[in-house]
């Protein structure tokens, strides 16, 4: 199955892969720290193991970084 992950095509084996599987395949160490969009829609983390990707789906991982003021 071919999907797009963060703008790059990936060819994955299998036809019933969950978002959690995709996160694992892409070496995401802390999935609880990542927001995921599937075809442009945000997916609740509680559903990562229950939502399955299909051929040509687009998955984006968004990492939010905390930061502070730089004094400006």
Protein backbone atom coordinates (compact mmCIF):
# COMPACT_ATOMS: atom_id res chain seq x y z
CA UNK A 1 0.00 0.00 0.00
CA UNK A 2 1.30 3.46 -0.89
CA UNK A 3 0.56 6.40 1.39
CA UNK A 4 2.04 9.86 1.83
CA UNK A 5 3.68 10.58 5.20
CA UNK A 6 4.84 14.13 5.83
CA UNK A 7 4.90 14.78 2.10
CA UNK A 8 6.90 11.68 1.14
CA UNK A 9 5.52 8.54 -0.43
CA UNK A 10 5.90 5.34 1.58
CA UNK A 11 5.26 1.82 0.35
CA UNK A 12 4.00 -0.27 3.26
CA UNK A 13 3.28 -3.98 3.46
CA UNK A 14 -0.25 -4.83 4.48
CA UNK A 15 -3.67 -3.50 3.71
CA UNK A 16 -5.06 -2.84 7.19
CA UNK A 17 -2.63 -0.59 9.04
CA UNK A 18 -3.62 1.62 11.96
CA UNK A 19 -2.32 5.12 12.54
CA UNK A 20 -0.49 3.75 15.59
CA UNK A 21 1.26 1.25 13.28
CA UNK A 22 2.25 4.11 10.95
CA UNK A 23 3.66 6.06 13.92
CA UNK A 24 5.66 2.99 14.99
CA UNK A 25 6.92 2.35 11.44
CA UNK A 26 8.17 5.94 11.32
CA UNK A 27 10.05 5.59 14.62
CA UNK A 28 7.91 8.08 16.52
CA UNK A 29 9.14 7.51 20.07
CA UNK A 30 6.46 9.47 21.96
CA UNK A 31 3.17 9.29 20.03
CA UNK A 32 1.46 11.11 22.90
CA UNK A 33 3.52 14.19 21.97
CA UNK A 34 2.47 14.19 18.30
CA UNK A 35 -0.66 15.49 16.62
CA UNK A 36 -1.71 13.52 13.56
CA UNK A 37 -3.64 14.67 10.54
CA UNK A 38 -5.20 12.13 8.21
CA UNK A 39 -6.17 13.66 4.87
CA UNK A 40 -6.17 17.11 6.47
CA UNK A 41 -8.26 16.22 9.52
CA UNK A 42 -6.86 16.04 13.05
CA UNK A 43 -7.27 12.64 14.70
CA UNK A 44 -7.78 12.27 18.44
CA UNK A 45 -4.95 10.30 20.05
CA UNK A 46 -7.44 7.87 21.58
CA UNK A 47 -8.27 6.75 18.03
CA UNK A 48 -4.74 6.11 16.72
CA UNK A 49 -5.20 2.36 17.17
CA UNK A 50 -8.74 2.34 15.74
CA UNK A 51 -8.32 4.33 12.53
CA UNK A 52 -6.81 2.57 9.55
CA UNK A 53 -5.14 4.12 6.52
CA UNK A 54 -6.05 3.36 2.94
CA UNK A 55 -4.13 3.52 -0.32
CA UNK A 56 -3.12 7.11 -1.20
CA UNK A 57 -4.05 8.51 2.24
CA UNK A 58 -2.00 11.45 3.46
CA UNK A 59 -0.70 11.36 7.02
CA UNK A 60 1.09 14.25 8.67
CA UNK A 61 2.81 14.21 12.05
CA UNK A 62 2.91 17.60 13.76
CA UNK A 63 5.32 18.10 16.63
CA UNK A 64 4.58 20.98 18.95
CA UNK A 65 7.56 22.44 20.73
CA UNK A 66 7.36 24.45 23.87
CA UNK A 67 9.41 27.55 24.07
CA UNK A 68 9.98 30.65 26.00
CA UNK A 69 10.59 34.28 25.43
CA UNK A 70 13.87 35.30 23.88
CA UNK A 71 13.72 38.68 25.57
CA UNK A 72 12.49 40.67 22.58
